[in-house]
Amino acid sequence: MIKQTAGRDAFNDFAPKFAELNDDVLFGEIWSREDKLSLKLRSVVTISTLIGKGIVDSSLKYHLESARKNGVTRIPCPVIPWMSQLALSSIPWSTP
């Protein structure tokens, strides 16, 4: 498990509660539960959420790079077709 401390590094001085929730709850209690959901699937969920919300900035790039490190590859998880389907399904005009 990788220790995440980005919240405290970036926000502890002016938003200590946010830093605590980010590090201790999001990453410490939720993200690190690999027995419940693998890092590979967590990456897929995170990327799906970002694309579904239309967030295609540097955070998407970061999570795509992390996903590859977590085992999300073209085979057996076909990233490009999966992302294409998700992106097209997330466009508002694609839903009734």
PDB file of N, CA and C in Angstrom:
ATOM      1  N   MET A   1       0.834  -1.180   0.000  1.00  0.00           N
ATOM      2  CA  MET A   1       0.000   0.000   0.000  1.00  0.00           C
ATOM      3  C   MET A   1       0.881   1.247   0.000  1.00  0.00           C
ATOM      4  N   ILE A   2       0.522   2.214  -0.806  1.00  0.00           N
ATOM      5  CA  ILE A   2       1.252   3.474  -0.890  1.00  0.00           C
ATOM      6  C   ILE A   2       0.633   4.464   0.085  1.00  0.00           C
ATOM      7  N   LYS A   3       1.438   5.098   0.891  1.00  0.00           N
ATOM      8  CA  LYS A   3       0.959   6.098   1.837  1.00  0.00           C
ATOM      9  C   LYS A   3       0.694   7.402   1.105  1.00  0.00           C
ATOM     10  N   GLN A   4      -0.516   7.887   1.211  1.00  0.00           N
ATOM     11  CA  GLN A   4      -0.906   9.136   0.565  1.00  0.00           C
ATOM     12  C   GLN A   4      -0.929  10.252   1.602  1.00  0.00           C
ATOM     13  N   THR A   5      -0.229  11.336   1.330  1.00  0.00           N
ATOM     14  CA  THR A   5      -0.230  12.476   2.245  1.00  0.00           C
ATOM     15  C   THR A   5      -0.400  13.785   1.503  1.00  0.00           C
ATOM     16  N   ALA A   6      -0.943  13.724   0.317  1.00  0.00           N
ATOM     17  CA  ALA A   6      -1.066  14.933  -0.492  1.00  0.00           C
ATOM     18  C   ALA A   6      -1.903  16.000   0.192  1.00  0.00           C
ATOM     19  N   GLY A   7      -2.930  15.607   0.912  1.00  0.00           N
ATOM     20  CA  GLY A   7      -3.786  16.582   1.583  1.00  0.00           C
ATOM     21  C   GLY A   7      -3.035  17.390   2.615  1.00  0.00           C
ATOM     22  N   ARG A   8      -2.287  16.721   3.458  1.00  0.00           N
ATOM     23  CA  ARG A   8      -1.539  17.441   4.486  1.00  0.00           C
ATOM     24  C   ARG A   8      -0.434  18.294   3.874  1.00  0.00           C
ATOM     25  N   ASP A   9       0.210  17.776   2.855  1.00  0.00           N
ATOM     26  CA  ASP A   9       1.271  18.549   2.214  1.00  0.00           C
ATOM     27  C   ASP A   9       0.728  19.826   1.584  1.00  0.00           C
ATOM     28  N   ALA A  10      -0.436  19.739   0.967  1.00  0.00           N
ATOM     29  CA  ALA A  10      -0.962  20.875   0.210  1.00  0.00           C
ATOM     30  C   ALA A  10      -1.914  21.758   1.007  1.00  0.00           C
ATOM     31  N   PHE A  11      -2.658  21.185   1.971  1.00  0.00           N
ATOM     32  CA  PHE A  11      -3.761  21.930   2.575  1.00  0.00           C
ATOM     33  C   PHE A  11      -3.706  22.083   4.088  1.00  0.00           C
ATOM     34  N   ASN A  12      -2.779  21.439   4.754  1.00  0.00           N
ATOM     35  CA  ASN A  12      -2.807  21.406   6.215  1.00  0.00           C
ATOM     36  C   ASN A  12      -2.758  22.785   6.858  1.00  0.00           C
ATOM     37  N   ASP A  13      -2.040  23.726   6.271  1.00  0.00           N
ATOM     38  CA  ASP A  13      -1.909  25.053   6.880  1.00  0.00           C
ATOM     39  C   ASP A  13      -3.216  25.833   6.905  1.00  0.00           C
ATOM     40  N   PHE A  14      -4.025  25.737   5.843  1.00  0.00           N
ATOM     41  CA  PHE A  14      -5.238  26.549   5.790  1.00  0.00           C
ATOM     42  C   PHE A  14      -6.535  25.737   5.790  1.00  0.00           C
ATOM     43  N   ALA A  15      -6.455  24.431   5.637  1.00  0.00           N
ATOM     44  CA  ALA A  15      -7.659  23.595   5.674  1.00  0.00           C
ATOM     45  C   ALA A  15      -7.327  22.250   6.321  1.00  0.00           C
ATOM     46  N   PRO A  16      -7.008  22.268   7.604  1.00  0.00           N
ATOM     47  CA  PRO A  16      -6.555  21.041   8.253  1.00  0.00           C
ATOM     48  C   PRO A  16      -7.596  19.919   8.263  1.00  0.00           C
ATOM     49  N   LYS A  17      -8.872  20.250   8.398  1.00  0.00           N
ATOM     50  CA  LYS A  17      -9.900  19.203   8.407  1.00  0.00           C
ATOM     51  C   LYS A  17      -9.991  18.535   7.035  1.00  0.00           C
ATOM     52  N   PHE A  18      -9.928  19.339   5.964  1.00  0.00           N
ATOM     53  CA  PHE A  18      -9.936  18.767   4.617  1.00  0.00           C
ATOM     54  C   PHE A  18      -8.726  17.855   4.428  1.00  0.00           C
ATOM     55  N   ALA A  19      -7.567  18.312   4.885  1.00  0.00           N
ATOM     56  CA  ALA A  19      -6.346  17.507   4.767  1.00  0.00           C
ATOM     57  C   ALA A  19      -6.504  16.185   5.512  1.00  0.00           C
ATOM     58  N   GLU A  20      -7.088  16.252   6.696  1.00  0.00           N
ATOM     59  CA  GLU A  20      -7.315  15.035   7.478  1.00  0.00           C
ATOM     60  C   GLU A  20      -8.261  14.079   6.747  1.00  0.00           C
ATOM     61  N   LEU A  21      -9.381  14.597   6.241  1.00  0.00           N
ATOM     62  CA  LEU A  21     -10.343  13.745   5.535  1.00  0.00           C
ATOM     63  C   LEU A  21      -9.727  13.146   4.275  1.00  0.00           C
ATOM     64  N   ASN A  22      -8.969  13.957   3.552  1.00  0.00           N
ATOM     65  CA  ASN A  22      -8.329  13.477   2.324  1.00  0.00           C
ATOM     66  C   ASN A  22      -7.351  12.338   2.617  1.00  0.00           C
ATOM     67  N   ASP A  23      -6.480  12.556   3.575  1.00  0.00           N
ATOM     68  CA  ASP A  23      -5.425  11.576   3.851  1.00  0.00           C
ATOM     69  C   ASP A  23      -5.921  10.378   4.656  1.00  0.00           C
ATOM     70  N   ASP A  24      -6.632  10.651   5.751  1.00  0.00           N
ATOM     71  CA  ASP A  24      -7.003   9.577   6.670  1.00  0.00           C
ATOM     72  C   ASP A  24      -8.240   8.800   6.229  1.00  0.00           C
ATOM     73  N   VAL A  25      -9.218   9.497   5.657  1.00  0.00           N
ATOM     74  CA  VAL A  25     -10.455   8.815   5.273  1.00  0.00           C
ATOM     75  C   VAL A  25     -10.391   8.354   3.823  1.00  0.00           C
ATOM     76  N   LEU A  26     -10.239   9.297   2.895  1.00  0.00           N
ATOM     77  CA  LEU A  26     -10.263   8.921   1.479  1.00  0.00           C
ATOM     78  C   LEU A  26      -9.162   7.923   1.144  1.00  0.00           C
ATOM     79  N   PHE A  27      -7.925   8.277   1.453  1.00  0.00           N
ATOM     80  CA  PHE A  27      -6.821   7.381   1.102  1.00  0.00           C
ATOM     81  C   PHE A  27      -6.529   6.351   2.186  1.00  0.00           C
ATOM     82  N   GLY A  28      -6.589   6.750   3.452  1.00  0.00           N
ATOM     83  CA  GLY A  28      -6.254   5.831   4.529  1.00  0.00           C
ATOM     84  C   GLY A  28      -7.265   4.731   4.748  1.00  0.00           C
ATOM     85  N   GLU A  29      -8.568   5.060   4.690  1.00  0.00           N
ATOM     86  CA  GLU A  29      -9.591   4.061   4.981  1.00  0.00           C
ATOM     87  C   GLU A  29     -10.284   3.513   3.738  1.00  0.00           C
ATOM     88  N   ILE A  30     -10.424   4.296   2.710  1.00  0.00           N
ATOM     89  CA  ILE A  30     -11.199   3.855   1.550  1.00  0.00           C
ATOM     90  C   ILE A  30     -10.301   3.330   0.434  1.00  0.00           C
ATOM     91  N   TRP A  31      -9.407   4.164  -0.074  1.00  0.00           N
ATOM     92  CA  TRP A  31      -8.584   3.773  -1.222  1.00  0.00           C
ATOM     93  C   TRP A  31      -7.696   2.575  -0.908  1.00  0.00           C
ATOM     94  N   SER A  32      -7.236   2.462   0.325  1.00  0.00           N
ATOM     95  CA  SER A  32      -6.278   1.407   0.668  1.00  0.00           C
ATOM     96  C   SER A  32      -6.917   0.043   0.934  1.00  0.00           C
ATOM     97  N   ARG A  33      -8.236  -0.076   0.856  1.00  0.00           N
ATOM     98  CA  ARG A  33      -8.900  -1.364   1.132  1.00  0.00           C
ATOM     99  C   ARG A  33      -8.835  -2.268  -0.099  1.00  0.00           C
ATOM    100  N   GLU A  34      -7.654  -2.746  -0.399  1.00  0.00           N
ATOM    101  CA  GLU A  34      -7.463  -3.583  -1.582  1.00  0.00           C
ATOM    102  C   GLU A  34      -8.166  -4.928  -1.457  1.00  0.00           C
ATOM    103  N   ASP A  35      -8.514  -5.329  -0.239  1.00  0.00           N
ATOM    104  CA  ASP A  35      -9.253  -6.581  -0.074  1.00  0.00           C
ATOM    105  C   ASP A  35     -10.706  -6.436  -0.521  1.00  0.00           C
ATOM    106  N   LYS A  36     -11.198  -5.211  -0.632  1.00  0.00           N
ATOM    107  CA  LYS A  36     -12.572  -4.953  -1.063  1.00  0.00           C
ATOM    108  C   LYS A  36     -12.652  -4.682  -2.560  1.00  0.00           C
ATOM    109  N   LEU A  37     -11.677  -3.958  -3.080  1.00  0.00           N
ATOM    110  CA  LEU A  37     -11.647  -3.596  -4.497  1.00  0.00           C
ATOM    111  C   LEU A  37     -10.189  -3.355  -4.877  1.00  0.00           C
ATOM    112  N   SER A  38      -9.747  -3.996  -5.930  1.00  0.00           N
ATOM    113  CA  SER A  38      -8.339  -3.881  -6.325  1.00  0.00           C
ATOM    114  C   SER A  38      -8.009  -2.460  -6.779  1.00  0.00           C
ATOM    115  N   LEU A  39      -6.734  -2.111  -6.708  1.00  0.00           N
ATOM    116  CA  LEU A  39      -6.306  -0.800  -7.200  1.00  0.00           C
ATOM    117  C   LEU A  39      -6.648  -0.641  -8.674  1.00  0.00           C
ATOM    118  N   LYS A  40      -6.562  -1.722  -9.421  1.00  0.00           N
ATOM    119  CA  LYS A  40      -6.903  -1.685 -10.846  1.00  0.00           C
ATOM    120  C   LYS A  40      -8.355  -1.241 -11.036  1.00  0.00           C
ATOM    121  N   LEU A  41      -9.281  -1.874 -10.319  1.00  0.00           N
ATOM    122  CA  LEU A  41     -10.687  -1.495 -10.452  1.00  0.00           C
ATOM    123  C   LEU A  41     -10.969  -0.125  -9.856  1.00  0.00           C
ATOM    124  N   ARG A  42     -10.267   0.241  -8.800  1.00  0.00           N
ATOM    125  CA  ARG A  42     -10.432   1.594  -8.245  1.00  0.00           C
ATOM    126  C   ARG A  42     -10.037   2.644  -9.278  1.00  0.00           C
ATOM    127  N   SER A  43      -8.971   2.361 -10.015  1.00  0.00           N
ATOM    128  CA  SER A  43      -8.548   3.283 -11.066  1.00  0.00           C
ATOM    129  C   SER A  43      -9.621   3.401 -12.140  1.00  0.00           C
ATOM    130  N   VAL A  44     -10.211   2.272 -12.519  1.00  0.00           N
ATOM    131  CA  VAL A  44     -11.276   2.288 -13.527  1.00  0.00           C
ATOM    132  C   VAL A  44     -12.458   3.120 -13.034  1.00  0.00           C
ATOM    133  N   VAL A  45     -12.843   2.940 -11.778  1.00  0.00           N
ATOM    134  CA  VAL A  45     -13.953   3.702 -11.205  1.00  0.00           C
ATOM    135  C   VAL A  45     -13.625   5.193 -11.175  1.00  0.00           C
ATOM    136  N   THR A  46     -12.416   5.537 -10.762  1.00  0.00           N
ATOM    137  CA  THR A  46     -12.018   6.942 -10.682  1.00  0.00           C
ATOM    138  C   THR A  46     -12.032   7.598 -12.054  1.00  0.00           C
ATOM    139  N   ILE A  47     -11.454   6.937 -13.035  1.00  0.00           N
ATOM    140  CA  ILE A  47     -11.427   7.492 -14.390  1.00  0.00           C
ATOM    141  C   ILE A  47     -12.840   7.600 -14.947  1.00  0.00           C
ATOM    142  N   SER A  48     -13.664   6.596 -14.693  1.00  0.00           N
ATOM    143  CA  SER A  48     -15.056   6.635 -15.147  1.00  0.00           C
ATOM    144  C   SER A  48     -15.788   7.827 -14.552  1.00  0.00           C
ATOM    145  N   THR A  49     -15.560   8.067 -13.284  1.00  0.00           N
ATOM    146  CA  THR A  49     -16.203   9.191 -12.610  1.00  0.00           C
ATOM    147  C   THR A  49     -15.739  10.518 -13.194  1.00  0.00           C
ATOM    148  N   LEU A  50     -14.441  10.673 -13.388  1.00  0.00           N
ATOM    149  CA  LEU A  50     -13.917  11.919 -13.948  1.00  0.00           C
ATOM    150  C   LEU A  50     -14.487  12.178 -15.339  1.00  0.00           C
ATOM    151  N   ILE A  51     -14.465  11.165 -16.192  1.00  0.00           N
ATOM    152  CA  ILE A  51     -14.981  11.340 -17.549  1.00  0.00           C
ATOM    153  C   ILE A  51     -16.478  11.613 -17.512  1.00  0.00           C
ATOM    154  N   GLY A  52     -17.200  10.882 -16.673  1.00  0.00           N
ATOM    155  CA  GLY A  52     -18.639  11.084 -16.551  1.00  0.00           C
ATOM    156  C   GLY A  52     -19.004  12.484 -16.096  1.00  0.00           C
ATOM    157  N   LYS A  53     -18.144  13.087 -15.298  1.00  0.00           N
ATOM    158  CA  LYS A  53     -18.378  14.454 -14.832  1.00  0.00           C
ATOM    159  C   LYS A  53     -17.807  15.495 -15.784  1.00  0.00           C
ATOM    160  N   GLY A  54     -17.185  15.034 -16.860  1.00  0.00           N
ATOM    161  CA  GLY A  54     -16.606  15.968 -17.825  1.00  0.00           C
ATOM    162  C   GLY A  54     -15.283  16.561 -17.381  1.00  0.00           C
ATOM    163  N   ILE A  55     -14.618  15.934 -16.430  1.00  0.00           N
ATOM    164  CA  ILE A  55     -13.333  16.430 -15.935  1.00  0.00           C
ATOM    165  C   ILE A  55     -12.233  15.786 -16.768  1.00  0.00           C
ATOM    166  N   VAL A  56     -11.686  16.552 -17.677  1.00  0.00           N
ATOM    167  CA  VAL A  56     -10.657  16.025 -18.584  1.00  0.00           C
ATOM    168  C   VAL A  56      -9.387  16.876 -18.514  1.00  0.00           C
ATOM    169  N   ASP A  57      -9.090  17.358 -17.324  1.00  0.00           N
ATOM    170  CA  ASP A  57      -7.921  18.206 -17.126  1.00  0.00           C
ATOM    171  C   ASP A  57      -6.723  17.370 -16.682  1.00  0.00           C
ATOM    172  N   SER A  58      -5.792  18.003 -16.011  1.00  0.00           N
ATOM    173  CA  SER A  58      -4.576  17.304 -15.587  1.00  0.00           C
ATOM    174  C   SER A  58      -4.862  16.183 -14.590  1.00  0.00           C
ATOM    175  N   SER A  59      -5.968  16.283 -13.858  1.00  0.00           N
ATOM    176  CA  SER A  59      -6.280  15.202 -12.920  1.00  0.00           C
ATOM    177  C   SER A  59      -6.623  13.917 -13.664  1.00  0.00           C
ATOM    178  N   LEU A  60      -7.281  14.021 -14.822  1.00  0.00           N
ATOM    179  CA  LEU A  60      -7.553  12.825 -15.620  1.00  0.00           C
ATOM    180  C   LEU A  60      -6.244  12.227 -16.119  1.00  0.00           C
ATOM    181  N   LYS A  61      -5.344  13.079 -16.585  1.00  0.00           N
ATOM    182  CA  LYS A  61      -4.049  12.586 -17.057  1.00  0.00           C
ATOM    183  C   LYS A  61      -3.315  11.863 -15.929  1.00  0.00           C
ATOM    184  N   TYR A  62      -3.328  12.449 -14.755  1.00  0.00           N
ATOM    185  CA  TYR A  62      -2.677  11.826 -13.598  1.00  0.00           C
ATOM    186  C   TYR A  62      -3.280  10.450 -13.310  1.00  0.00           C
ATOM    187  N   HIS A  63      -4.609  10.373 -13.304  1.00  0.00           N
ATOM    188  CA  HIS A  63      -5.263   9.105 -12.983  1.00  0.00           C
ATOM    189  C   HIS A  63      -5.092   8.074 -14.094  1.00  0.00           C
ATOM    190  N   LEU A  64      -4.984   8.515 -15.339  1.00  0.00           N
ATOM    191  CA  LEU A  64      -4.694   7.576 -16.427  1.00  0.00           C
ATOM    192  C   LEU A  64      -3.300   6.975 -16.261  1.00  0.00           C
ATOM    193  N   GLU A  65      -2.335   7.820 -15.895  1.00  0.00           N
ATOM    194  CA  GLU A  65      -0.979   7.322 -15.660  1.00  0.00           C
ATOM    195  C   GLU A  65      -0.946   6.376 -14.457  1.00  0.00           C
ATOM    196  N   SER A  66      -1.669   6.733 -13.407  1.00  0.00           N
ATOM    197  CA  SER A  66      -1.733   5.870 -12.222  1.00  0.00           C
ATOM    198  C   SER A  66      -2.424   4.553 -12.541  1.00  0.00           C
ATOM    199  N   ALA A  67      -3.446   4.607 -13.382  1.00  0.00           N
ATOM    200  CA  ALA A  67      -4.174   3.391 -13.754  1.00  0.00           C
ATOM    201  C   ALA A  67      -3.249   2.397 -14.438  1.00  0.00           C
ATOM    202  N   ARG A  68      -2.411   2.898 -15.300  1.00  0.00           N
ATOM    203  CA  ARG A  68      -1.466   2.004 -15.978  1.00  0.00           C
ATOM    204  C   ARG A  68      -0.550   1.334 -14.950  1.00  0.00           C
ATOM    205  N   LYS A  69      -0.079   2.104 -13.967  1.00  0.00           N
ATOM    206  CA  LYS A  69       0.769   1.534 -12.911  1.00  0.00           C
ATOM    207  C   LYS A  69       0.003   0.522 -12.064  1.00  0.00           C
ATOM    208  N   ASN A  70      -1.323   0.715 -11.979  1.00  0.00           N
ATOM    209  CA  ASN A  70      -2.166  -0.189 -11.194  1.00  0.00           C
ATOM    210  C   ASN A  70      -2.650  -1.388 -12.003  1.00  0.00           C
ATOM    211  N   GLY A  71      -2.149  -1.531 -13.228  1.00  0.00           N
ATOM    212  CA  GLY A  71      -2.457  -2.720 -14.005  1.00  0.00           C
ATOM    213  C   GLY A  71      -3.532  -2.569 -15.054  1.00  0.00           C
ATOM    214  N   VAL A  72      -4.056  -1.355 -15.241  1.00  0.00           N
ATOM    215  CA  VAL A  72      -5.057  -1.142 -16.285  1.00  0.00           C
ATOM    216  C   VAL A  72      -4.306  -0.973 -17.599  1.00  0.00           C
ATOM    217  N   THR A  73      -4.433  -1.958 -18.452  1.00  0.00           N
ATOM    218  CA  THR A  73      -3.753  -1.946 -19.745  1.00  0.00           C
ATOM    219  C   THR A  73      -4.755  -2.274 -20.838  1.00  0.00           C
ATOM    220  N   ARG A  74      -4.294  -2.264 -22.046  1.00  0.00           N
ATOM    221  CA  ARG A  74      -5.175  -2.569 -23.175  1.00  0.00           C
ATOM    222  C   ARG A  74      -5.704  -3.998 -23.086  1.00  0.00           C
ATOM    223  N   ILE A  75      -4.884  -4.903 -22.604  1.00  0.00           N
ATOM    224  CA  ILE A  75      -5.304  -6.290 -22.448  1.00  0.00           C
ATOM    225  C   ILE A  75      -4.986  -6.695 -21.015  1.00  0.00           C
ATOM    226  N   PRO A  76      -5.894  -7.218 -20.228  1.00  0.00           N
ATOM    227  CA  PRO A  76      -7.239  -7.657 -20.563  1.00  0.00           C
ATOM    228  C   PRO A  76      -8.305  -6.579 -20.400  1.00  0.00           C
ATOM    229  N   CYS A  77      -7.959  -5.414 -19.893  1.00  0.00           N
ATOM    230  CA  CYS A  77      -8.943  -4.345 -19.734  1.00  0.00           C
ATOM    231  C   CYS A  77      -8.803  -3.379 -20.899  1.00  0.00           C
ATOM    232  N   PRO A  78      -9.668  -3.453 -21.885  1.00  0.00           N
ATOM    233  CA  PRO A  78      -9.521  -2.622 -23.084  1.00  0.00           C
ATOM    234  C   PRO A  78      -9.844  -1.155 -22.791  1.00  0.00           C
ATOM    235  N   VAL A  79      -8.841  -0.397 -22.415  1.00  0.00           N
ATOM    236  CA  VAL A  79      -9.035   0.969 -21.951  1.00  0.00           C
ATOM    237  C   VAL A  79      -9.670   1.868 -23.008  1.00  0.00           C
ATOM    238  N   ILE A  80      -9.192   1.842 -24.235  1.00  0.00           N
ATOM    239  CA  ILE A  80      -9.698   2.768 -25.246  1.00  0.00           C
ATOM    240  C   ILE A  80     -11.172   2.527 -25.557  1.00  0.00           C
ATOM    241  N   PRO A  81     -11.595   1.289 -25.866  1.00  0.00           N
ATOM    242  CA  PRO A  81     -13.032   1.081 -26.097  1.00  0.00           C
ATOM    243  C   PRO A  81     -13.882   1.416 -24.873  1.00  0.00           C
ATOM    244  N   TRP A  82     -13.371   1.093 -23.703  1.00  0.00           N
ATOM    245  CA  TRP A  82     -14.106   1.380 -22.473  1.00  0.00           C
ATOM    246  C   TRP A  82     -14.275   2.891 -22.288  1.00  0.00           C
ATOM    247  N   MET A  83     -13.183   3.649 -22.488  1.00  0.00           N
ATOM    248  CA  MET A  83     -13.257   5.100 -22.344  1.00  0.00           C
ATOM    249  C   MET A  83     -14.143   5.715 -23.420  1.00  0.00           C
ATOM    250  N   SER A  84     -14.087   5.200 -24.629  1.00  0.00           N
ATOM    251  CA  SER A  84     -14.924   5.723 -25.714  1.00  0.00           C
ATOM    252  C   SER A  84     -16.399   5.528 -25.384  1.00  0.00           C
ATOM    253  N   GLN A  85     -16.759   4.346 -24.931  1.00  0.00           N
ATOM    254  CA  GLN A  85     -18.150   4.072 -24.560  1.00  0.00           C
ATOM    255  C   GLN A  85     -18.591   4.986 -23.428  1.00  0.00           C
ATOM    256  N   LEU A  86     -17.745   5.130 -22.427  1.00  0.00           N
ATOM    257  CA  LEU A  86     -18.077   5.970 -21.291  1.00  0.00           C
ATOM    258  C   LEU A  86     -18.234   7.425 -21.703  1.00  0.00           C
ATOM    259  N   ALA A  87     -17.308   7.913 -22.500  1.00  0.00           N
ATOM    260  CA  ALA A  87     -17.365   9.311 -22.924  1.00  0.00           C
ATOM    261  C   ALA A  87     -18.631   9.588 -23.720  1.00  0.00           C
ATOM    262  N   LEU A  88     -18.956   8.725 -24.660  1.00  0.00           N
ATOM    263  CA  LEU A  88     -20.156   8.938 -25.468  1.00  0.00           C
ATOM    264  C   LEU A  88     -21.428   8.771 -24.648  1.00  0.00           C
ATOM    265  N   SER A  89     -21.425   7.872 -23.694  1.00  0.00           N
ATOM    266  CA  SER A  89     -22.599   7.677 -22.840  1.00  0.00           C
ATOM    267  C   SER A  89     -22.781   8.823 -21.860  1.00  0.00           C
ATOM    268  N   SER A  90     -21.730   9.579 -21.603  1.00  0.00           N
ATOM    269  CA  SER A  90     -21.785  10.671 -20.635  1.00  0.00           C
ATOM    270  C   SER A  90     -22.233  11.987 -21.241  1.00  0.00           C
ATOM    271  N   ILE A  91     -22.299  12.056 -22.556  1.00  0.00           N
ATOM    272  CA  ILE A  91     -22.728  13.290 -23.212  1.00  0.00           C
ATOM    273  C   ILE A  91     -24.216  13.475 -22.949  1.00  0.00           C
ATOM    274  N   PRO A  92     -24.642  14.659 -22.497  1.00  0.00           N
ATOM    275  CA  PRO A  92     -26.055  14.858 -22.141  1.00  0.00           C
ATOM    276  C   PRO A  92     -27.043  14.476 -23.242  1.00  0.00           C
ATOM    277  N   TRP A  93     -26.718  14.723 -24.497  1.00  0.00           N
ATOM    278  CA  TRP A  93     -27.662  14.400 -25.561  1.00  0.00           C
ATOM    279  C   TRP A  93     -27.830  12.913 -25.774  1.00  0.00           C
ATOM    280  N   SER A  94     -26.978  12.091 -25.155  1.00  0.00           N
ATOM    281  CA  SER A  94     -27.066  10.646 -25.371  1.00  0.00           C
ATOM    282  C   SER A  94     -28.075   9.976 -24.450  1.00  0.00           C
ATOM    283  N   THR A  95     -28.654  10.741 -23.535  1.00  0.00           N
ATOM    284  CA  THR A  95     -29.645  10.166 -22.631  1.00  0.00           C
ATOM    285  C   THR A  95     -31.017  10.752 -22.933  1.00  0.00           C
ATOM    286  N   PRO A  96     -32.072   9.943 -22.761  1.00  0.00           N
ATOM    287  CA  PRO A  96     -33.426  10.439 -23.064  1.00  0.00           C
ATOM    288  C   PRO A  96     -33.881  11.517 -22.111  1.00  0.00           C
TER     289      PRO A  96
END
